[in-house]
Amino acid sequence: MAFWIFMYICDLLIPLLMVGFGWYFRRYPPENINYWFGYRTTMSTKNQDTWQFAQRYYGNLSWKLGWPTLIISAIVPLFYMGRSTEFVGVCGGILCLLQLVLVLYPIIPIEIALRKTFDKNGNRRQ
């Protein structure tokens, strides 16, 4: 049971971080382009306008994806509570891998939105 509790907590960390960073980036996006904190890609760091657009977009998307992921991640482990340590470990690991896909997913829509909104030099399209 102790391992199940450990895995349950681990399975909630990624969605909680998604929700937390989503909230933070929606309210207080990193103001200046930096290479330490924020949504950083070649397109998002072209200029201040692309930077701010990407940070807010990431915040909104992470917030929207984080809540359903958190709810699902809180419910699914209840179905394998009390099972063997190996089964709990495999199921918890699979859930973490699926969450990892959701953490990386925002890159696609953000980059698409950046390319629709800005040209290759970072100037807003008319």
N, C-alpha and C. Protein backbone atom coordinates (compact mmCIF):
# COMPACT_ATOMS: atom_id res chain seq x y z
N MET A 1 0.83 -1.20 0.00
CA MET A 1 0.00 0.00 0.00
C MET A 1 0.87 1.26 0.00
N ALA A 2 2.02 1.20 0.68
CA ALA A 2 2.90 2.36 0.74
C ALA A 2 3.43 2.70 -0.65
N PHE A 3 3.73 1.66 -1.47
CA PHE A 3 4.21 1.91 -2.82
C PHE A 3 3.10 2.53 -3.67
N TRP A 4 1.88 2.08 -3.48
CA TRP A 4 0.76 2.66 -4.23
C TRP A 4 0.63 4.16 -3.89
N ILE A 5 0.74 4.50 -2.62
CA ILE A 5 0.67 5.90 -2.22
C ILE A 5 1.80 6.70 -2.86
N PHE A 6 3.01 6.14 -2.85
CA PHE A 6 4.15 6.79 -3.49
C PHE A 6 3.87 7.03 -4.98
N MET A 7 3.39 6.01 -5.67
CA MET A 7 3.10 6.13 -7.11
C MET A 7 1.95 7.11 -7.36
N TYR A 8 0.99 7.12 -6.48
CA TYR A 8 -0.14 8.05 -6.61
C TYR A 8 0.36 9.49 -6.55
N ILE A 9 1.23 9.76 -5.59
CA ILE A 9 1.81 11.10 -5.46
C ILE A 9 2.64 11.44 -6.70
N CYS A 10 3.45 10.48 -7.15
CA CYS A 10 4.27 10.71 -8.35
C CYS A 10 3.40 10.98 -9.57
N ASP A 11 2.30 10.25 -9.69
CA ASP A 11 1.41 10.43 -10.84
C ASP A 11 0.68 11.77 -10.81
N LEU A 12 0.60 12.39 -9.66
CA LEU A 12 -0.07 13.69 -9.57
C LEU A 12 0.89 14.86 -9.77
N LEU A 13 2.20 14.61 -9.69
CA LEU A 13 3.17 15.70 -9.80
C LEU A 13 3.13 16.41 -11.15
N ILE A 14 3.13 15.66 -12.24
CA ILE A 14 3.16 16.28 -13.57
C ILE A 14 1.90 17.11 -13.83
N PRO A 15 0.70 16.58 -13.57
CA PRO A 15 -0.48 17.43 -13.79
C PRO A 15 -0.53 18.65 -12.88
N LEU A 16 -0.06 18.50 -11.64
CA LEU A 16 -0.03 19.65 -10.74
C LEU A 16 0.93 20.72 -11.25
N LEU A 17 2.07 20.29 -11.79
CA LEU A 17 3.01 21.24 -12.38
C LEU A 17 2.41 21.91 -13.62
N MET A 18 1.67 21.15 -14.43
CA MET A 18 1.02 21.74 -15.61
C MET A 18 0.03 22.83 -15.19
N VAL A 19 -0.78 22.51 -14.21
CA VAL A 19 -1.76 23.49 -13.73
C VAL A 19 -1.05 24.68 -13.11
N GLY A 20 -0.04 24.42 -12.31
CA GLY A 20 0.69 25.50 -11.64
C GLY A 20 1.40 26.41 -12.62
N PHE A 21 2.13 25.83 -13.57
CA PHE A 21 2.81 26.65 -14.57
C PHE A 21 1.80 27.35 -15.48
N GLY A 22 0.70 26.68 -15.78
CA GLY A 22 -0.34 27.32 -16.58
C GLY A 22 -0.88 28.56 -15.89
N TRP A 23 -1.17 28.42 -14.61
CA TRP A 23 -1.67 29.58 -13.85
C TRP A 23 -0.63 30.68 -13.82
N TYR A 24 0.61 30.30 -13.53
CA TYR A 24 1.68 31.28 -13.40
C TYR A 24 1.94 32.01 -14.71
N PHE A 25 2.00 31.27 -15.81
CA PHE A 25 2.29 31.89 -17.10
C PHE A 25 1.11 32.72 -17.60
N ARG A 26 -0.09 32.39 -17.18
CA ARG A 26 -1.24 33.22 -17.55
C ARG A 26 -1.20 34.55 -16.80
N ARG A 27 -0.82 34.51 -15.56
CA ARG A 27 -0.81 35.71 -14.71
C ARG A 27 0.49 36.50 -14.81
N TYR A 28 1.61 35.80 -14.74
CA TYR A 28 2.92 36.45 -14.68
C TYR A 28 3.89 35.84 -15.68
N PRO A 29 3.62 35.97 -16.97
CA PRO A 29 4.55 35.38 -17.93
C PRO A 29 5.92 36.05 -17.84
N PRO A 30 6.99 35.31 -18.12
CA PRO A 30 8.32 35.93 -18.10
C PRO A 30 8.34 37.11 -19.06
N GLU A 31 8.72 38.27 -18.57
CA GLU A 31 8.63 39.49 -19.37
C GLU A 31 9.74 39.60 -20.39
N ASN A 32 10.94 39.23 -20.02
CA ASN A 32 12.08 39.40 -20.91
C ASN A 32 12.54 38.07 -21.47
N ILE A 33 13.00 38.10 -22.70
CA ILE A 33 13.52 36.89 -23.32
C ILE A 33 14.74 36.43 -22.53
N ASN A 34 14.71 35.17 -22.13
CA ASN A 34 15.83 34.60 -21.41
C ASN A 34 15.96 33.14 -21.80
N TYR A 35 17.06 32.54 -21.46
CA TYR A 35 17.28 31.14 -21.82
C TYR A 35 17.24 30.23 -20.59
N TRP A 36 16.59 30.70 -19.52
CA TRP A 36 16.51 29.92 -18.30
C TRP A 36 15.08 29.54 -17.94
N PHE A 37 14.13 30.41 -18.20
CA PHE A 37 12.76 30.16 -17.74
C PHE A 37 11.77 30.67 -18.77
N GLY A 38 10.84 29.83 -19.15
CA GLY A 38 9.82 30.21 -20.09
C GLY A 38 9.75 29.22 -21.24
N TYR A 39 8.78 29.45 -22.11
CA TYR A 39 8.64 28.64 -23.32
C TYR A 39 9.67 29.16 -24.32
N ARG A 40 10.71 28.36 -24.57
CA ARG A 40 11.83 28.84 -25.39
C ARG A 40 12.00 27.96 -26.62
N THR A 41 11.73 28.53 -27.78
CA THR A 41 12.05 27.91 -29.06
C THR A 41 12.64 29.01 -29.93
N THR A 42 13.14 28.62 -31.08
CA THR A 42 13.73 29.60 -31.98
C THR A 42 12.71 30.67 -32.35
N MET A 43 11.49 30.24 -32.64
CA MET A 43 10.45 31.20 -33.05
C MET A 43 10.00 32.08 -31.88
N SER A 44 9.89 31.51 -30.70
CA SER A 44 9.38 32.30 -29.57
C SER A 44 10.40 33.32 -29.08
N THR A 45 11.67 33.14 -29.41
CA THR A 45 12.69 34.08 -28.96
C THR A 45 13.14 35.04 -30.05
N LYS A 46 12.37 35.16 -31.12
CA LYS A 46 12.73 36.09 -32.20
C LYS A 46 12.75 37.54 -31.71
N ASN A 47 11.73 37.92 -30.98
CA ASN A 47 11.65 39.29 -30.45
C ASN A 47 10.70 39.30 -29.26
N GLN A 48 10.52 40.45 -28.67
CA GLN A 48 9.69 40.57 -27.46
C GLN A 48 8.23 40.21 -27.74
N ASP A 49 7.73 40.56 -28.92
CA ASP A 49 6.33 40.28 -29.26
C ASP A 49 6.08 38.77 -29.36
N THR A 50 6.96 38.07 -30.05
CA THR A 50 6.80 36.62 -30.17
C THR A 50 6.97 35.94 -28.81
N TRP A 51 7.87 36.48 -28.01
CA TRP A 51 8.10 35.93 -26.66
C TRP A 51 6.84 36.03 -25.81
N GLN A 52 6.25 37.21 -25.75
CA GLN A 52 5.06 37.41 -24.92
C GLN A 52 3.89 36.57 -25.43
N PHE A 53 3.73 36.51 -26.74
CA PHE A 53 2.66 35.70 -27.33
C PHE A 53 2.81 34.24 -26.92
N ALA A 54 4.02 33.70 -27.06
CA ALA A 54 4.26 32.29 -26.75
C ALA A 54 4.06 31.99 -25.27
N GLN A 55 4.48 32.89 -24.40
CA GLN A 55 4.35 32.65 -22.96
C GLN A 55 2.88 32.58 -22.54
N ARG A 56 2.09 33.50 -23.02
CA ARG A 56 0.66 33.50 -22.69
C ARG A 56 -0.06 32.30 -23.30
N TYR A 57 0.30 31.98 -24.54
CA TYR A 57 -0.32 30.84 -25.21
C TYR A 57 0.01 29.56 -24.45
N TYR A 58 1.26 29.42 -24.05
CA TYR A 58 1.66 28.25 -23.28
C TYR A 58 0.88 28.19 -21.95
N GLY A 59 0.76 29.32 -21.29
CA GLY A 59 0.03 29.36 -20.02
C GLY A 59 -1.41 28.91 -20.17
N ASN A 60 -2.08 29.43 -21.18
CA ASN A 60 -3.48 29.05 -21.41
C ASN A 60 -3.61 27.57 -21.76
N LEU A 61 -2.75 27.09 -22.63
CA LEU A 61 -2.83 25.70 -23.05
C LEU A 61 -2.48 24.75 -21.92
N SER A 62 -1.46 25.07 -21.16
CA SER A 62 -1.07 24.22 -20.04
C SER A 62 -2.16 24.19 -18.98
N TRP A 63 -2.79 25.31 -18.74
CA TRP A 63 -3.90 25.39 -17.78
C TRP A 63 -5.06 24.50 -18.24
N LYS A 64 -5.40 24.60 -19.53
CA LYS A 64 -6.53 23.83 -20.06
C LYS A 64 -6.23 22.33 -20.11
N LEU A 65 -5.01 21.95 -20.41
CA LEU A 65 -4.65 20.53 -20.45
C LEU A 65 -4.40 19.96 -19.06
N GLY A 66 -3.94 20.80 -18.15
CA GLY A 66 -3.56 20.34 -16.82
C GLY A 66 -4.73 19.84 -15.99
N TRP A 67 -5.85 20.54 -16.04
CA TRP A 67 -6.99 20.14 -15.19
C TRP A 67 -7.56 18.78 -15.55
N PRO A 68 -7.88 18.52 -16.82
CA PRO A 68 -8.38 17.17 -17.12
C PRO A 68 -7.34 16.08 -16.84
N THR A 69 -6.08 16.39 -17.08
CA THR A 69 -5.01 15.43 -16.80
C THR A 69 -4.94 15.15 -15.30
N LEU A 70 -5.10 16.20 -14.50
CA LEU A 70 -5.07 16.02 -13.04
C LEU A 70 -6.24 15.17 -12.57
N ILE A 71 -7.42 15.43 -13.09
CA ILE A 71 -8.60 14.65 -12.68
C ILE A 71 -8.45 13.18 -13.07
N ILE A 72 -8.04 12.95 -14.31
CA ILE A 72 -7.85 11.56 -14.77
C ILE A 72 -6.76 10.88 -13.96
N SER A 73 -5.67 11.60 -13.71
CA SER A 73 -4.55 11.02 -12.96
C SER A 73 -4.90 10.77 -11.50
N ALA A 74 -5.89 11.46 -10.99
CA ALA A 74 -6.33 11.22 -9.61
C ALA A 74 -7.29 10.03 -9.54
N ILE A 75 -8.00 9.76 -10.62
CA ILE A 75 -9.00 8.69 -10.62
C ILE A 75 -8.42 7.34 -11.03
N VAL A 76 -7.63 7.31 -12.11
CA VAL A 76 -7.14 6.05 -12.66
C VAL A 76 -6.42 5.18 -11.63
N PRO A 77 -5.51 5.72 -10.81
CA PRO A 77 -4.82 4.84 -9.85
C PRO A 77 -5.76 4.18 -8.83
N LEU A 78 -6.93 4.71 -8.64
CA LEU A 78 -7.88 4.09 -7.70
C LEU A 78 -8.30 2.70 -8.18
N PHE A 79 -8.23 2.48 -9.51
CA PHE A 79 -8.62 1.19 -10.06
C PHE A 79 -7.58 0.09 -9.81
N TYR A 80 -6.35 0.46 -9.53
CA TYR A 80 -5.36 -0.57 -9.23
C TYR A 80 -4.81 -0.46 -7.80
N MET A 81 -5.58 0.14 -6.93
CA MET A 81 -5.21 0.19 -5.51
C MET A 81 -5.31 -1.23 -4.93
N GLY A 82 -4.31 -1.61 -4.15
CA GLY A 82 -4.32 -2.91 -3.52
C GLY A 82 -3.74 -4.02 -4.37
N ARG A 83 -3.32 -3.72 -5.60
CA ARG A 83 -2.72 -4.74 -6.47
C ARG A 83 -1.25 -4.93 -6.11
N SER A 84 -0.59 -5.81 -6.81
CA SER A 84 0.81 -6.11 -6.52
C SER A 84 1.69 -4.90 -6.83
N THR A 85 2.85 -4.86 -6.20
CA THR A 85 3.80 -3.77 -6.39
C THR A 85 4.20 -3.66 -7.86
N GLU A 86 4.43 -4.80 -8.52
CA GLU A 86 4.82 -4.78 -9.93
C GLU A 86 3.72 -4.17 -10.79
N PHE A 87 2.50 -4.55 -10.55
CA PHE A 87 1.36 -4.05 -11.33
C PHE A 87 1.19 -2.54 -11.12
N VAL A 88 1.29 -2.12 -9.87
CA VAL A 88 1.18 -0.68 -9.56
C VAL A 88 2.31 0.09 -10.23
N GLY A 89 3.51 -0.46 -10.19
CA GLY A 89 4.66 0.20 -10.81
C GLY A 89 4.50 0.35 -12.31
N VAL A 90 4.04 -0.70 -12.97
CA VAL A 90 3.86 -0.65 -14.43
C VAL A 90 2.74 0.32 -14.78
N CYS A 91 1.63 0.23 -14.11
CA CYS A 91 0.51 1.14 -14.40
C CYS A 91 0.87 2.59 -14.11
N GLY A 92 1.55 2.82 -13.00
CA GLY A 92 1.98 4.18 -12.66
C GLY A 92 2.98 4.71 -13.66
N GLY A 93 3.88 3.86 -14.13
CA GLY A 93 4.86 4.26 -15.14
C GLY A 93 4.20 4.60 -16.46
N ILE A 94 3.23 3.80 -16.87
CA ILE A 94 2.50 4.07 -18.11
C ILE A 94 1.76 5.40 -18.00
N LEU A 95 1.14 5.64 -16.86
CA LEU A 95 0.43 6.91 -16.66
C LEU A 95 1.40 8.09 -16.74
N CYS A 96 2.58 7.95 -16.15
CA CYS A 96 3.59 9.02 -16.22
C CYS A 96 4.04 9.26 -17.66
N LEU A 97 4.21 8.20 -18.44
CA LEU A 97 4.61 8.36 -19.84
C LEU A 97 3.53 9.08 -20.65
N LEU A 98 2.28 8.75 -20.40
CA LEU A 98 1.18 9.44 -21.08
C LEU A 98 1.14 10.92 -20.69
N GLN A 99 1.43 11.20 -19.44
CA GLN A 99 1.48 12.59 -18.99
C GLN A 99 2.63 13.33 -19.65
N LEU A 100 3.74 12.65 -19.84
CA LEU A 100 4.89 13.26 -20.50
C LEU A 100 4.53 13.68 -21.93
N VAL A 101 3.75 12.86 -22.61
CA VAL A 101 3.29 13.21 -23.95
C VAL A 101 2.46 14.49 -23.88
N LEU A 102 1.61 14.61 -22.88
CA LEU A 102 0.79 15.81 -22.74
C LEU A 102 1.60 17.04 -22.35
N VAL A 103 2.73 16.84 -21.68
CA VAL A 103 3.60 17.97 -21.34
C VAL A 103 4.27 18.49 -22.62
N LEU A 104 4.62 17.59 -23.52
CA LEU A 104 5.30 17.98 -24.76
C LEU A 104 4.33 18.42 -25.85
N TYR A 105 3.08 18.00 -25.77
CA TYR A 105 2.08 18.32 -26.79
C TYR A 105 1.95 19.82 -27.10
N PRO A 106 1.96 20.71 -26.11
CA PRO A 106 1.75 22.14 -26.42
C PRO A 106 2.74 22.73 -27.42
N ILE A 107 3.88 22.11 -27.61
CA ILE A 107 4.85 22.63 -28.57
C ILE A 107 4.21 22.75 -29.95
N ILE A 108 3.44 21.77 -30.34
CA ILE A 108 2.86 21.74 -31.69
C ILE A 108 1.89 22.90 -31.90
N PRO A 109 0.83 23.05 -31.09
CA PRO A 109 -0.09 24.16 -31.35
C PRO A 109 0.52 25.55 -31.14
N ILE A 110 1.47 25.65 -30.22
CA ILE A 110 2.10 26.96 -30.00
C ILE A 110 2.92 27.35 -31.22
N GLU A 111 3.69 26.43 -31.75
CA GLU A 111 4.50 26.75 -32.92
C GLU A 111 3.62 27.04 -34.13
N ILE A 112 2.52 26.33 -34.28
CA ILE A 112 1.58 26.61 -35.37
C ILE A 112 1.00 28.01 -35.21
N ALA A 113 0.59 28.35 -33.99
CA ALA A 113 0.03 29.68 -33.74
C ALA A 113 1.06 30.78 -33.96
N LEU A 114 2.30 30.54 -33.57
CA LEU A 114 3.36 31.52 -33.80
C LEU A 114 3.57 31.75 -35.30
N ARG A 115 3.57 30.68 -36.07
CA ARG A 115 3.79 30.81 -37.51
C ARG A 115 2.60 31.43 -38.23
N LYS A 116 1.41 31.26 -37.69
CA LYS A 116 0.23 31.91 -38.27
C LYS A 116 0.18 33.39 -37.93
N THR A 117 0.67 33.75 -36.76
CA THR A 117 0.59 35.12 -36.27
C THR A 117 1.79 35.96 -36.71
N PHE A 118 2.96 35.33 -36.85
CA PHE A 118 4.20 36.06 -37.17
C PHE A 118 4.85 35.47 -38.42
N ASP A 119 5.59 36.30 -39.14
CA ASP A 119 6.36 35.78 -40.27
C ASP A 119 7.67 35.18 -39.74
N LYS A 120 8.53 34.71 -40.64
CA LYS A 120 9.74 34.02 -40.21
C LYS A 120 10.74 34.93 -39.48
N ASN A 121 10.57 36.25 -39.62
CA ASN A 121 11.43 37.21 -38.94
C ASN A 121 10.84 37.69 -37.61
N GLY A 122 9.65 37.24 -37.28
CA GLY A 122 9.02 37.62 -36.02
C GLY A 122 8.13 38.84 -36.11
N ASN A 123 7.84 39.31 -37.32
CA ASN A 123 6.93 40.45 -37.50
C ASN A 123 5.50 39.95 -37.60
N ARG A 124 4.58 40.66 -36.97
CA ARG A 124 3.18 40.26 -37.04
C ARG A 124 2.67 40.31 -38.48
N ARG A 125 1.90 39.29 -38.81
CA ARG A 125 1.30 39.26 -40.14
C ARG A 125 0.13 40.23 -40.18
N GLN A 126 -0.11 40.79 -41.34
CA GLN A 126 -1.21 41.75 -41.49
C GLN A 126 -2.51 41.05 -41.79
